[in-house]
């Protein structure tokens, strides 16, 4: 007998068939997770002050990038002050910083938000791996600027609702060189930062660009940004595709099989975000719906989950639901990942 509200996945049914079980009895009814009104349960779990700081940084980066694009004067001190502020803020509260990246905030300023998100996640990985404060500062500068060269390309890939042509892809591959020139020649930042920017599309197996560097020949900070840049790109929405949910992105990066990315950095990303990153919507084995609230490094399959709708259908608004720590509560497990595509997103234009 399966209890009411317990969702049976296809793999569970296939396992039952493998055991020669021809049928199951349940007190529940067939239900599609997509039928649940997700727009009623969306919340970012981020305080207003942190959210305002995050948005102000997006606007600040956008203003700087716009001036760079227009060949206007931007001093290196502006970049350094911004990177220093972000470094200190992330160091003070990594969990909130992760929530801001994964909160599902949408904006037309895709590259700008991507720059900030890349800076945040790069800092967290770098700090966990053991970078010094100065190395973290340089890493943040490079992460903020790694795609600034995209603004010098004569088309905006975020506004295209199709795949790129061969000519456009060739032009796109020039953006690390453009970013390097901006960092090195225009902003006159240290060479270590500019070289990191240049190498962020090099790949562990040597199949990247612009120089086809391989393995340890790639600067360590560039290897961090390579992983983070891929993650941020996949969770970001484009006109020609929807954003991927955190769990799907983690699966995609894990499926890389150590070809594109340094496996040490990938492992650290998984330790930090878990297989179900903070902010992911999940359905538990008792039928309840929750948002991943925290991760457990030693048990990445069993995070902390803030309950939004319990197994009886009762809703908890404004983060008032109980927090279930699946690491300690072995009676529950994640039965399904819920796509937040139909959830109400917070939008800042």
C-alpha atoms as a PDB file:
ATOM      1  CA  UNK A   1       0.000   0.000   0.000  1.00  0.00           C
ATOM      2  CA  UNK A   2       1.407   3.406  -1.025  1.00  0.00           C
ATOM      3  CA  UNK A   3       0.314   6.339   1.119  1.00  0.00           C
ATOM      4  CA  UNK A   4      -1.821   9.155  -0.231  1.00  0.00           C
ATOM      5  CA  UNK A   5       0.144  12.076  -1.738  1.00  0.00           C
ATOM      6  CA  UNK A   6       3.237   9.919  -2.415  1.00  0.00           C
ATOM      7  CA  UNK A   7       4.348  10.566  -5.989  1.00  0.00           C
ATOM      8  CA  UNK A   8       5.491   7.499  -7.944  1.00  0.00           C
ATOM      9  CA  UNK A   9       8.137   8.294 -10.538  1.00  0.00           C
ATOM     10  CA  UNK A  10       8.672   6.351 -13.745  1.00  0.00           C
ATOM     11  CA  UNK A  11      11.902   4.813 -12.440  1.00  0.00           C
ATOM     12  CA  UNK A  12      10.053   3.620  -9.322  1.00  0.00           C
ATOM     13  CA  UNK A  13       7.399   1.923 -11.446  1.00  0.00           C
ATOM     14  CA  UNK A  14      10.085   0.356 -13.641  1.00  0.00           C
ATOM     15  CA  UNK A  15      11.837  -0.990 -10.551  1.00  0.00           C
ATOM     16  CA  UNK A  16       8.532  -2.501  -9.344  1.00  0.00           C
ATOM     17  CA  UNK A  17       8.055  -4.164 -12.719  1.00  0.00           C
ATOM     18  CA  UNK A  18      11.575  -5.557 -12.450  1.00  0.00           C
ATOM     19  CA  UNK A  19      10.543  -7.164  -9.179  1.00  0.00           C
ATOM     20  CA  UNK A  20       7.603  -8.807 -11.036  1.00  0.00           C
ATOM     21  CA  UNK A  21       5.069  -6.631  -9.199  1.00  0.00           C
ATOM     22  CA  UNK A  22       2.183  -6.158 -11.613  1.00  0.00           C
ATOM     23  CA  UNK A  23       0.204  -3.527  -9.706  1.00  0.00           C
ATOM     24  CA  UNK A  24       0.162  -1.247  -6.684  1.00  0.00           C
ATOM     25  CA  UNK A  25      -2.641   0.014  -4.477  1.00  0.00           C
ATOM     26  CA  UNK A  26      -2.771   3.665  -3.436  1.00  0.00           C
ATOM     27  CA  UNK A  27      -5.183   5.882  -1.531  1.00  0.00           C
ATOM     28  CA  UNK A  28      -4.214   8.880  -3.637  1.00  0.00           C
ATOM     29  CA  UNK A  29      -5.159  10.079  -7.096  1.00  0.00           C
ATOM     30  CA  UNK A  30      -3.134  10.713 -10.229  1.00  0.00           C
ATOM     31  CA  UNK A  31      -1.599  14.172 -10.039  1.00  0.00           C
ATOM     32  CA  UNK A  32       0.720  16.233 -12.227  1.00  0.00           C
ATOM     33  CA  UNK A  33       3.203  18.387 -10.372  1.00  0.00           C
ATOM     34  CA  UNK A  34       2.748  21.044 -13.063  1.00  0.00           C
ATOM     35  CA  UNK A  35      -0.911  21.374 -11.990  1.00  0.00           C
ATOM     36  CA  UNK A  36       0.160  22.902  -8.683  1.00  0.00           C
ATOM     37  CA  UNK A  37      -0.245  26.722  -8.789  1.00  0.00           C
ATOM     38  CA  UNK A  38       3.448  27.508  -8.371  1.00  0.00           C
ATOM     39  CA  UNK A  39       2.905  31.245  -8.800  1.00  0.00           C
ATOM     40  CA  UNK A  40       1.379  31.191  -5.301  1.00  0.00           C
ATOM     41  CA  UNK A  41       4.455  29.744  -3.621  1.00  0.00           C
ATOM     42  CA  UNK A  42       7.293  31.733  -5.142  1.00  0.00           C
ATOM     43  CA  UNK A  43       9.459  33.617  -2.699  1.00  0.00           C
ATOM     44  CA  UNK A  44      13.128  34.500  -2.834  1.00  0.00           C
ATOM     45  CA  UNK A  45      14.071  33.904   0.827  1.00  0.00           C
ATOM     46  CA  UNK A  46      16.284  37.013   0.576  1.00  0.00           C
ATOM     47  CA  UNK A  47      15.989  40.054   2.814  1.00  0.00           C
ATOM     48  CA  UNK A  48      15.220  43.462   1.290  1.00  0.00           C
ATOM     49  CA  UNK A  49      18.576  45.012   2.170  1.00  0.00           C
ATOM     50  CA  UNK A  50      20.547  42.243   0.448  1.00  0.00           C
ATOM     51  CA  UNK A  51      18.222  42.333  -2.553  1.00  0.00           C
ATOM     52  CA  UNK A  52      18.616  46.118  -2.882  1.00  0.00           C
ATOM     53  CA  UNK A  53      22.411  45.804  -2.704  1.00  0.00           C
ATOM     54  CA  UNK A  54      22.331  43.127  -5.410  1.00  0.00           C
ATOM     55  CA  UNK A  55      20.172  45.241  -7.735  1.00  0.00           C
ATOM     56  CA  UNK A  56      22.282  48.345  -7.115  1.00  0.00           C
ATOM     57  CA  UNK A  57      25.376  46.395  -8.191  1.00  0.00           C
ATOM     58  CA  UNK A  58      23.635  45.253 -11.376  1.00  0.00           C
ATOM     59  CA  UNK A  59      22.824  48.876 -12.173  1.00  0.00           C
ATOM     60  CA  UNK A  60      26.353  50.010 -11.311  1.00  0.00           C
ATOM     61  CA  UNK A  61      27.960  47.378 -13.544  1.00  0.00           C
ATOM     62  CA  UNK A  62      25.541  48.253 -16.334  1.00  0.00           C
ATOM     63  CA  UNK A  63      26.515  51.908 -16.100  1.00  0.00           C
ATOM     64  CA  UNK A  64      30.227  51.036 -16.243  1.00  0.00           C
ATOM     65  CA  UNK A  65      29.789  48.588 -19.129  1.00  0.00           C
ATOM     66  CA  UNK A  66      27.748  51.145 -21.086  1.00  0.00           C
ATOM     67  CA  UNK A  67      30.571  53.662 -20.769  1.00  0.00           C
ATOM     68  CA  UNK A  68      33.129  51.045 -21.799  1.00  0.00           C
ATOM     69  CA  UNK A  69      31.011  50.162 -24.824  1.00  0.00           C
ATOM     70  CA  UNK A  70      30.861  53.838 -25.749  1.00  0.00           C
ATOM     71  CA  UNK A  71      34.643  54.165 -25.455  1.00  0.00           C
ATOM     72  CA  UNK A  72      34.181  56.583 -22.554  1.00  0.00           C
ATOM     73  CA  UNK A  73      36.696  56.908 -19.764  1.00  0.00           C
ATOM     74  CA  UNK A  74      36.436  54.315 -16.981  1.00  0.00           C
ATOM     75  CA  UNK A  75      39.156  54.223 -14.351  1.00  0.00           C
ATOM     76  CA  UNK A  76      40.532  51.010 -12.914  1.00  0.00           C
ATOM     77  CA  UNK A  77      39.690  52.361  -9.461  1.00  0.00           C
ATOM     78  CA  UNK A  78      35.973  52.087 -10.250  1.00  0.00           C
ATOM     79  CA  UNK A  79      36.389  48.380 -11.003  1.00  0.00           C
ATOM     80  CA  UNK A  80      38.618  47.850  -7.984  1.00  0.00           C
ATOM     81  CA  UNK A  81      36.241  49.585  -5.580  1.00  0.00           C
ATOM     82  CA  UNK A  82      33.292  47.577  -6.908  1.00  0.00           C
ATOM     83  CA  UNK A  83      35.213  44.292  -6.691  1.00  0.00           C
ATOM     84  CA  UNK A  84      36.403  45.104  -3.176  1.00  0.00           C
ATOM     85  CA  UNK A  85      32.851  45.834  -1.995  1.00  0.00           C
ATOM     86  CA  UNK A  86      31.473  42.620  -3.525  1.00  0.00           C
ATOM     87  CA  UNK A  87      34.365  40.578  -2.102  1.00  0.00           C
ATOM     88  CA  UNK A  88      33.728  41.853   1.434  1.00  0.00           C
ATOM     89  CA  UNK A  89      29.956  41.341   1.156  1.00  0.00           C
ATOM     90  CA  UNK A  90      30.213  37.770  -0.138  1.00  0.00           C
ATOM     91  CA  UNK A  91      32.803  36.909   2.500  1.00  0.00           C
ATOM     92  CA  UNK A  92      30.411  38.144   5.212  1.00  0.00           C
ATOM     93  CA  UNK A  93      27.411  36.038   4.100  1.00  0.00           C
ATOM     94  CA  UNK A  94      27.979  33.381   1.448  1.00  0.00           C
ATOM     95  CA  UNK A  95      24.582  31.723   1.906  1.00  0.00           C
ATOM     96  CA  UNK A  96      22.638  34.908   1.135  1.00  0.00           C
ATOM     97  CA  UNK A  97      24.929  35.592  -1.824  1.00  0.00           C
ATOM     98  CA  UNK A  98      24.136  32.157  -3.263  1.00  0.00           C
ATOM     99  CA  UNK A  99      20.405  32.725  -2.760  1.00  0.00           C
ATOM    100  CA  UNK A 100      20.606  35.983  -4.694  1.00  0.00           C
ATOM    101  CA  UNK A 101      22.252  34.228  -7.642  1.00  0.00           C
ATOM    102  CA  UNK A 102      19.705  31.417  -7.600  1.00  0.00           C
ATOM    103  CA  UNK A 103      16.581  33.420  -6.701  1.00  0.00           C
ATOM    104  CA  UNK A 104      15.260  33.402 -10.262  1.00  0.00           C
ATOM    105  CA  UNK A 105      15.492  37.184 -10.640  1.00  0.00           C
ATOM    106  CA  UNK A 106      15.013  38.084 -14.300  1.00  0.00           C
ATOM    107  CA  UNK A 107      16.378  41.134 -16.068  1.00  0.00           C
ATOM    108  CA  UNK A 108      17.042  42.321 -19.584  1.00  0.00           C
ATOM    109  CA  UNK A 109      20.571  43.165 -18.474  1.00  0.00           C
ATOM    110  CA  UNK A 110      21.640  39.559 -18.963  1.00  0.00           C
ATOM    111  CA  UNK A 111      25.387  40.079 -19.371  1.00  0.00           C
ATOM    112  CA  UNK A 112      25.470  42.494 -16.461  1.00  0.00           C
ATOM    113  CA  UNK A 113      23.666  40.125 -14.122  1.00  0.00           C
ATOM    114  CA  UNK A 114      25.871  37.311 -15.424  1.00  0.00           C
ATOM    115  CA  UNK A 115      28.962  39.331 -14.571  1.00  0.00           C
ATOM    116  CA  UNK A 116      27.777  39.896 -11.002  1.00  0.00           C
ATOM    117  CA  UNK A 117      26.639  36.286 -10.519  1.00  0.00           C
ATOM    118  CA  UNK A 118      29.962  35.027 -11.889  1.00  0.00           C
ATOM    119  CA  UNK A 119      31.811  37.287  -9.476  1.00  0.00           C
ATOM    120  CA  UNK A 120      29.794  36.011  -6.517  1.00  0.00           C
ATOM    121  CA  UNK A 121      30.148  32.295  -7.275  1.00  0.00           C
ATOM    122  CA  UNK A 122      33.822  32.631  -8.240  1.00  0.00           C
ATOM    123  CA  UNK A 123      34.544  34.278  -4.899  1.00  0.00           C
ATOM    124  CA  UNK A 124      32.801  31.504  -2.975  1.00  0.00           C
ATOM    125  CA  UNK A 125      34.664  28.755  -4.828  1.00  0.00           C
ATOM    126  CA  UNK A 126      37.962  30.613  -4.550  1.00  0.00           C
ATOM    127  CA  UNK A 127      37.564  31.143  -0.819  1.00  0.00           C
ATOM    128  CA  UNK A 128      36.724  27.486  -0.255  1.00  0.00           C
ATOM    129  CA  UNK A 129      39.730  26.329  -2.265  1.00  0.00           C
ATOM    130  CA  UNK A 130      42.045  28.604  -0.273  1.00  0.00           C
ATOM    131  CA  UNK A 131      42.702  31.739  -2.330  1.00  0.00           C
ATOM    132  CA  UNK A 132      44.221  34.608  -0.376  1.00  0.00           C
ATOM    133  CA  UNK A 133      42.273  37.857   0.055  1.00  0.00           C
ATOM    134  CA  UNK A 134      44.335  39.470  -2.719  1.00  0.00           C
ATOM    135  CA  UNK A 135      43.773  36.495  -5.024  1.00  0.00           C
ATOM    136  CA  UNK A 136      40.038  36.685  -4.330  1.00  0.00           C
ATOM    137  CA  UNK A 137      40.032  40.384  -5.173  1.00  0.00           C
ATOM    138  CA  UNK A 138      41.782  39.698  -8.488  1.00  0.00           C
ATOM    139  CA  UNK A 139      39.407  36.804  -9.164  1.00  0.00           C
ATOM    140  CA  UNK A 140      36.386  39.061  -8.614  1.00  0.00           C
ATOM    141  CA  UNK A 141      37.781  41.742 -10.946  1.00  0.00           C
ATOM    142  CA  UNK A 142      38.342  39.149 -13.675  1.00  0.00           C
ATOM    143  CA  UNK A 143      34.924  37.550 -13.185  1.00  0.00           C
ATOM    144  CA  UNK A 144      33.185  40.910 -13.449  1.00  0.00           C
ATOM    145  CA  UNK A 145      35.017  41.731 -16.701  1.00  0.00           C
ATOM    146  CA  UNK A 146      35.279  38.317 -18.364  1.00  0.00           C
ATOM    147  CA  UNK A 147      32.454  38.984 -20.850  1.00  0.00           C
ATOM    148  CA  UNK A 148      32.740  42.772 -21.150  1.00  0.00           C
ATOM    149  CA  UNK A 149      34.178  42.269 -24.642  1.00  0.00           C
ATOM    150  CA  UNK A 150      30.753  41.042 -25.716  1.00  0.00           C
ATOM    151  CA  UNK A 151      29.692  44.702 -25.692  1.00  0.00           C
ATOM    152  CA  UNK A 152      32.106  45.357 -28.534  1.00  0.00           C
ATOM    153  CA  UNK A 153      30.509  42.694 -30.744  1.00  0.00           C
ATOM    154  CA  UNK A 154      28.080  44.199 -33.224  1.00  0.00           C
ATOM    155  CA  UNK A 155      25.131  42.026 -32.278  1.00  0.00           C
ATOM    156  CA  UNK A 156      23.531  41.143 -28.962  1.00  0.00           C
ATOM    157  CA  UNK A 157      23.246  37.392 -28.512  1.00  0.00           C
ATOM    158  CA  UNK A 158      20.777  37.859 -25.652  1.00  0.00           C
ATOM    159  CA  UNK A 159      18.306  39.479 -28.065  1.00  0.00           C
ATOM    160  CA  UNK A 160      18.503  36.748 -30.698  1.00  0.00           C
ATOM    161  CA  UNK A 161      15.702  34.170 -30.790  1.00  0.00           C
ATOM    162  CA  UNK A 162      17.715  31.749 -32.911  1.00  0.00           C
ATOM    163  CA  UNK A 163      21.013  29.928 -32.886  1.00  0.00           C
ATOM    164  CA  UNK A 164      24.086  31.761 -34.145  1.00  0.00           C
ATOM    165  CA  UNK A 165      25.337  31.491 -37.701  1.00  0.00           C
ATOM    166  CA  UNK A 166      28.882  30.273 -38.403  1.00  0.00           C
ATOM    167  CA  UNK A 167      30.015  33.872 -38.981  1.00  0.00           C
ATOM    168  CA  UNK A 168      28.431  35.017 -35.719  1.00  0.00           C
ATOM    169  CA  UNK A 169      30.029  32.156 -33.778  1.00  0.00           C
ATOM    170  CA  UNK A 170      33.434  33.129 -35.182  1.00  0.00           C
ATOM    171  CA  UNK A 171      32.872  36.731 -34.135  1.00  0.00           C
ATOM    172  CA  UNK A 172      31.679  35.608 -30.703  1.00  0.00           C
ATOM    173  CA  UNK A 173      34.930  33.739 -30.084  1.00  0.00           C
ATOM    174  CA  UNK A 174      36.800  37.031 -30.282  1.00  0.00           C
ATOM    175  CA  UNK A 175      35.185  38.379 -27.118  1.00  0.00           C
ATOM    176  CA  UNK A 176      37.870  37.054 -24.694  1.00  0.00           C
ATOM    177  CA  UNK A 177      40.465  39.002 -26.693  1.00  0.00           C
ATOM    178  CA  UNK A 178      38.276  42.096 -26.597  1.00  0.00           C
ATOM    179  CA  UNK A 179      37.789  41.643 -22.843  1.00  0.00           C
ATOM    180  CA  UNK A 180      41.563  41.240 -22.394  1.00  0.00           C
ATOM    181  CA  UNK A 181      42.266  44.459 -24.290  1.00  0.00           C
ATOM    182  CA  UNK A 182      39.714  46.367 -22.244  1.00  0.00           C
ATOM    183  CA  UNK A 183      41.150  45.072 -18.941  1.00  0.00           C
ATOM    184  CA  UNK A 184      44.795  45.449 -19.947  1.00  0.00           C
ATOM    185  CA  UNK A 185      44.989  48.438 -22.274  1.00  0.00           C
ATOM    186  CA  UNK A 186      41.998  50.589 -21.342  1.00  0.00           C
ATOM    187  CA  UNK A 187      41.521  49.911 -17.636  1.00  0.00           C
ATOM    188  CA  UNK A 188      45.241  49.157 -17.074  1.00  0.00           C
ATOM    189  CA  UNK A 189      44.472  46.455 -14.537  1.00  0.00           C
ATOM    190  CA  UNK A 190      47.246  44.066 -13.440  1.00  0.00           C
ATOM    191  CA  UNK A 191      48.351  41.559 -16.072  1.00  0.00           C
ATOM    192  CA  UNK A 192      47.223  38.628 -13.907  1.00  0.00           C
ATOM    193  CA  UNK A 193      43.624  39.885 -14.070  1.00  0.00           C
ATOM    194  CA  UNK A 194      43.773  40.550 -17.810  1.00  0.00           C
ATOM    195  CA  UNK A 195      45.256  37.093 -18.532  1.00  0.00           C
ATOM    196  CA  UNK A 196      42.534  35.456 -16.442  1.00  0.00           C
ATOM    197  CA  UNK A 197      39.919  37.293 -18.490  1.00  0.00           C
ATOM    198  CA  UNK A 198      41.611  36.156 -21.710  1.00  0.00           C
ATOM    199  CA  UNK A 199      41.637  32.485 -20.671  1.00  0.00           C
ATOM    200  CA  UNK A 200      38.094  32.009 -19.329  1.00  0.00           C
ATOM    201  CA  UNK A 201      37.031  30.056 -22.436  1.00  0.00           C
ATOM    202  CA  UNK A 202      40.056  27.754 -22.459  1.00  0.00           C
ATOM    203  CA  UNK A 203      39.092  24.172 -21.645  1.00  0.00           C
ATOM    204  CA  UNK A 204      40.587  21.413 -19.521  1.00  0.00           C
ATOM    205  CA  UNK A 205      40.936  19.130 -22.578  1.00  0.00           C
ATOM    206  CA  UNK A 206      42.530  21.805 -24.773  1.00  0.00           C
ATOM    207  CA  UNK A 207      39.439  22.308 -26.948  1.00  0.00           C
ATOM    208  CA  UNK A 208      38.754  25.870 -25.849  1.00  0.00           C
ATOM    209  CA  UNK A 209      39.750  29.253 -27.259  1.00  0.00           C
ATOM    210  CA  UNK A 210      41.455  31.562 -28.077  1.00  0.00           C
ATOM    211  CA  UNK A 211      44.778  29.673 -27.648  1.00  0.00           C
ATOM    212  CA  UNK A 212      43.715  26.067 -27.031  1.00  0.00           C
ATOM    213  CA  UNK A 213      45.468  25.887 -23.653  1.00  0.00           C
ATOM    214  CA  UNK A 214      45.097  22.646 -21.703  1.00  0.00           C
ATOM    215  CA  UNK A 215      44.937  21.533 -18.058  1.00  0.00           C
ATOM    216  CA  UNK A 216      47.322  23.269 -15.664  1.00  0.00           C
ATOM    217  CA  UNK A 217      48.531  25.590 -18.442  1.00  0.00           C
ATOM    218  CA  UNK A 218      45.302  27.534 -17.822  1.00  0.00           C
ATOM    219  CA  UNK A 219      45.450  29.993 -14.937  1.00  0.00           C
ATOM    220  CA  UNK A 220      43.669  28.618 -11.876  1.00  0.00           C
ATOM    221  CA  UNK A 221      41.372  31.627 -11.553  1.00  0.00           C
ATOM    222  CA  UNK A 222      40.455  31.283 -15.233  1.00  0.00           C
ATOM    223  CA  UNK A 223      39.512  27.646 -14.571  1.00  0.00           C
ATOM    224  CA  UNK A 224      37.208  28.797 -11.769  1.00  0.00           C
ATOM    225  CA  UNK A 225      35.519  31.375 -14.012  1.00  0.00           C
ATOM    226  CA  UNK A 226      35.156  28.774 -16.794  1.00  0.00           C
ATOM    227  CA  UNK A 227      33.008  26.561 -14.539  1.00  0.00           C
ATOM    228  CA  UNK A 228      31.051  29.454 -13.068  1.00  0.00           C
ATOM    229  CA  UNK A 229      30.472  31.082 -16.470  1.00  0.00           C
ATOM    230  CA  UNK A 230      28.983  27.838 -17.804  1.00  0.00           C
ATOM    231  CA  UNK A 231      26.753  27.444 -14.744  1.00  0.00           C
ATOM    232  CA  UNK A 232      25.497  31.043 -14.867  1.00  0.00           C
ATOM    233  CA  UNK A 233      24.830  30.821 -18.610  1.00  0.00           C
ATOM    234  CA  UNK A 234      22.670  27.727 -18.135  1.00  0.00           C
ATOM    235  CA  UNK A 235      20.560  29.215 -15.333  1.00  0.00           C
ATOM    236  CA  UNK A 236      20.034  32.440 -17.322  1.00  0.00           C
ATOM    237  CA  UNK A 237      17.030  32.826 -19.592  1.00  0.00           C
ATOM    238  CA  UNK A 238      17.473  33.657 -23.271  1.00  0.00           C
ATOM    239  CA  UNK A 239      14.908  34.551 -25.937  1.00  0.00           C
ATOM    240  CA  UNK A 240      15.653  31.287 -27.746  1.00  0.00           C
ATOM    241  CA  UNK A 241      15.517  29.048 -24.680  1.00  0.00           C
ATOM    242  CA  UNK A 242      14.322  28.962 -21.092  1.00  0.00           C
ATOM    243  CA  UNK A 243      16.726  28.898 -18.200  1.00  0.00           C
ATOM    244  CA  UNK A 244      17.595  25.491 -16.771  1.00  0.00           C
ATOM    245  CA  UNK A 245      16.737  24.721 -13.173  1.00  0.00           C
ATOM    246  CA  UNK A 246      19.651  24.270 -10.788  1.00  0.00           C
ATOM    247  CA  UNK A 247      19.432  20.479 -10.607  1.00  0.00           C
ATOM    248  CA  UNK A 248      19.517  20.164 -14.392  1.00  0.00           C
ATOM    249  CA  UNK A 249      22.558  22.431 -14.619  1.00  0.00           C
ATOM    250  CA  UNK A 250      24.441  20.425 -11.992  1.00  0.00           C
ATOM    251  CA  UNK A 251      23.645  17.229 -13.897  1.00  0.00           C
ATOM    252  CA  UNK A 252      24.874  18.789 -17.139  1.00  0.00           C
ATOM    253  CA  UNK A 253      28.163  19.906 -15.582  1.00  0.00           C
ATOM    254  CA  UNK A 254      28.672  16.531 -13.908  1.00  0.00           C
ATOM    255  CA  UNK A 255      28.012  14.857 -17.261  1.00  0.00           C
ATOM    256  CA  UNK A 256      30.993  16.688 -18.718  1.00  0.00           C
ATOM    257  CA  UNK A 257      33.233  13.757 -17.651  1.00  0.00           C
ATOM    258  CA  UNK A 258      36.232  15.991 -16.914  1.00  0.00           C
ATOM    259  CA  UNK A 259      36.536  17.191 -20.499  1.00  0.00           C
ATOM    260  CA  UNK A 260      35.833  20.913 -20.344  1.00  0.00           C
ATOM    261  CA  UNK A 261      36.367  21.751 -16.692  1.00  0.00           C
ATOM    262  CA  UNK A 262      38.913  21.195 -13.945  1.00  0.00           C
ATOM    263  CA  UNK A 263      37.375  18.336 -11.896  1.00  0.00           C
ATOM    264  CA  UNK A 264      38.628  19.840  -8.627  1.00  0.00           C
ATOM    265  CA  UNK A 265      36.630  23.006  -9.249  1.00  0.00           C
ATOM    266  CA  UNK A 266      33.551  21.058 -10.345  1.00  0.00           C
ATOM    267  CA  UNK A 267      33.713  19.048  -7.107  1.00  0.00           C
ATOM    268  CA  UNK A 268      33.899  22.277  -5.109  1.00  0.00           C
ATOM    269  CA  UNK A 269      30.891  23.703  -6.959  1.00  0.00           C
ATOM    270  CA  UNK A 270      28.909  20.569  -6.043  1.00  0.00           C
ATOM    271  CA  UNK A 271      30.021  20.817  -2.399  1.00  0.00           C
ATOM    272  CA  UNK A 272      28.851  24.434  -2.267  1.00  0.00           C
ATOM    273  CA  UNK A 273      25.582  24.148  -4.201  1.00  0.00           C
ATOM    274  CA  UNK A 274      24.727  20.472  -3.681  1.00  0.00           C
ATOM    275  CA  UNK A 275      22.951  18.437  -6.331  1.00  0.00           C
ATOM    276  CA  UNK A 276      19.861  20.495  -5.501  1.00  0.00           C
ATOM    277  CA  UNK A 277      21.112  24.113  -5.322  1.00  0.00           C
ATOM    278  CA  UNK A 278      19.639  26.598  -2.867  1.00  0.00           C
ATOM    279  CA  UNK A 279      16.404  27.972  -4.273  1.00  0.00           C
ATOM    280  CA  UNK A 280      15.483  24.807  -6.190  1.00  0.00           C
ATOM    281  CA  UNK A 281      11.834  23.782  -5.920  1.00  0.00           C
ATOM    282  CA  UNK A 282      11.447  20.125  -4.980  1.00  0.00           C
ATOM    283  CA  UNK A 283       8.693  17.687  -4.101  1.00  0.00           C
ATOM    284  CA  UNK A 284       9.334  15.425  -1.125  1.00  0.00           C
ATOM    285  CA  UNK A 285       8.242  11.824  -0.766  1.00  0.00           C
ATOM    286  CA  UNK A 286       5.249  12.833   1.393  1.00  0.00           C
ATOM    287  CA  UNK A 287       3.876  15.009  -1.415  1.00  0.00           C
ATOM    288  CA  UNK A 288       4.955  18.324   0.107  1.00  0.00           C
ATOM    289  CA  UNK A 289       6.534  21.068  -2.005  1.00  0.00           C
ATOM    290  CA  UNK A 290       9.511  23.012  -0.730  1.00  0.00           C
ATOM    291  CA  UNK A 291      12.392  25.244  -1.655  1.00  0.00           C
ATOM    292  CA  UNK A 292      15.942  24.088  -0.953  1.00  0.00           C
ATOM    293  CA  UNK A 293      17.095  26.299   1.903  1.00  0.00           C
ATOM    294  CA  UNK A 294      20.555  24.943   2.662  1.00  0.00           C
ATOM    295  CA  UNK A 295      22.933  22.221   1.534  1.00  0.00           C
ATOM    296  CA  UNK A 296      24.702  19.427   3.376  1.00  0.00           C
ATOM    297  CA  UNK A 297      28.200  18.970   1.963  1.00  0.00           C
ATOM    298  CA  UNK A 298      28.553  15.358   3.067  1.00  0.00           C
ATOM    299  CA  UNK A 299      25.103  14.354   1.774  1.00  0.00           C
ATOM    300  CA  UNK A 300      24.431  16.406  -1.384  1.00  0.00           C
ATOM    301  CA  UNK A 301      21.232  14.438  -2.081  1.00  0.00           C
ATOM    302  CA  UNK A 302      19.723  15.450   1.264  1.00  0.00           C
ATOM    303  CA  UNK A 303      19.594  19.259   1.636  1.00  0.00           C
ATOM    304  CA  UNK A 304      17.570  21.437   4.007  1.00  0.00           C
ATOM    305  CA  UNK A 305      14.133  22.188   2.562  1.00  0.00           C
ATOM    306  CA  UNK A 306      11.803  25.031   3.510  1.00  0.00           C
ATOM    307  CA  UNK A 307       8.252  23.679   3.191  1.00  0.00           C
ATOM    308  CA  UNK A 308       5.931  25.851   1.074  1.00  0.00           C
ATOM    309  CA  UNK A 309       3.002  23.428   0.729  1.00  0.00           C
ATOM    310  CA  UNK A 310       2.772  20.454   3.067  1.00  0.00           C
ATOM    311  CA  UNK A 311       1.461  16.989   2.251  1.00  0.00           C
ATOM    312  CA  UNK A 312      -2.111  18.004   3.094  1.00  0.00           C
ATOM    313  CA  UNK A 313      -2.073  20.975   0.716  1.00  0.00           C
ATOM    314  CA  UNK A 314      -1.711  23.638   3.430  1.00  0.00           C
ATOM    315  CA  UNK A 315       0.328  26.637   2.231  1.00  0.00           C
ATOM    316  CA  UNK A 316       2.998  28.505   4.181  1.00  0.00           C
ATOM    317  CA  UNK A 317       3.628  32.042   2.952  1.00  0.00           C
ATOM    318  CA  UNK A 318       6.538  34.416   3.437  1.00  0.00           C
ATOM    319  CA  UNK A 319       8.930  31.701   4.572  1.00  0.00           C
ATOM    320  CA  UNK A 320       6.821  30.644   7.565  1.00  0.00           C
ATOM    321  CA  UNK A 321       6.904  26.913   6.788  1.00  0.00           C
ATOM    322  CA  UNK A 322       8.997  24.399   8.698  1.00  0.00           C
ATOM    323  CA  UNK A 323      12.537  23.599   7.575  1.00  0.00           C
ATOM    324  CA  UNK A 324      13.169  19.887   7.043  1.00  0.00           C
ATOM    325  CA  UNK A 325      16.799  18.784   7.255  1.00  0.00           C
ATOM    326  CA  UNK A 326      16.869  15.649   5.102  1.00  0.00           C
ATOM    327  CA  UNK A 327      20.332  14.833   6.417  1.00  0.00           C
ATOM    328  CA  UNK A 328      18.804  14.130   9.829  1.00  0.00           C
ATOM    329  CA  UNK A 329      15.246  13.188   8.811  1.00  0.00           C
ATOM    330  CA  UNK A 330      15.693   9.881   6.996  1.00  0.00           C
ATOM    331  CA  UNK A 331      11.926   9.315   6.711  1.00  0.00           C
ATOM    332  CA  UNK A 332      11.729  11.741   3.766  1.00  0.00           C
ATOM    333  CA  UNK A 333      13.571  12.139   0.500  1.00  0.00           C
ATOM    334  CA  UNK A 334      13.370  14.251  -2.663  1.00  0.00           C
ATOM    335  CA  UNK A 335      10.969  12.507  -5.034  1.00  0.00           C
ATOM    336  CA  UNK A 336      10.901  15.059  -7.835  1.00  0.00           C
ATOM    337  CA  UNK A 337      12.342  18.367  -8.993  1.00  0.00           C
ATOM    338  CA  UNK A 338       9.708  21.027  -9.715  1.00  0.00           C
ATOM    339  CA  UNK A 339      10.324  23.321 -12.684  1.00  0.00           C
ATOM    340  CA  UNK A 340       9.824  26.929 -11.560  1.00  0.00           C
ATOM    341  CA  UNK A 341       9.069  28.079 -15.095  1.00  0.00           C
ATOM    342  CA  UNK A 342       5.421  28.759 -14.274  1.00  0.00           C
ATOM    343  CA  UNK A 343       6.253  30.373 -10.950  1.00  0.00           C
ATOM    344  CA  UNK A 344       5.969  34.068 -10.497  1.00  0.00           C
ATOM    345  CA  UNK A 345       9.432  35.547 -10.937  1.00  0.00           C
ATOM    346  CA  UNK A 346      10.743  38.788  -9.503  1.00  0.00           C
ATOM    347  CA  UNK A 347      11.569  41.126 -12.359  1.00  0.00           C
ATOM    348  CA  UNK A 348      13.761  44.204 -12.329  1.00  0.00           C
ATOM    349  CA  UNK A 349      14.116  45.868 -15.681  1.00  0.00           C
END
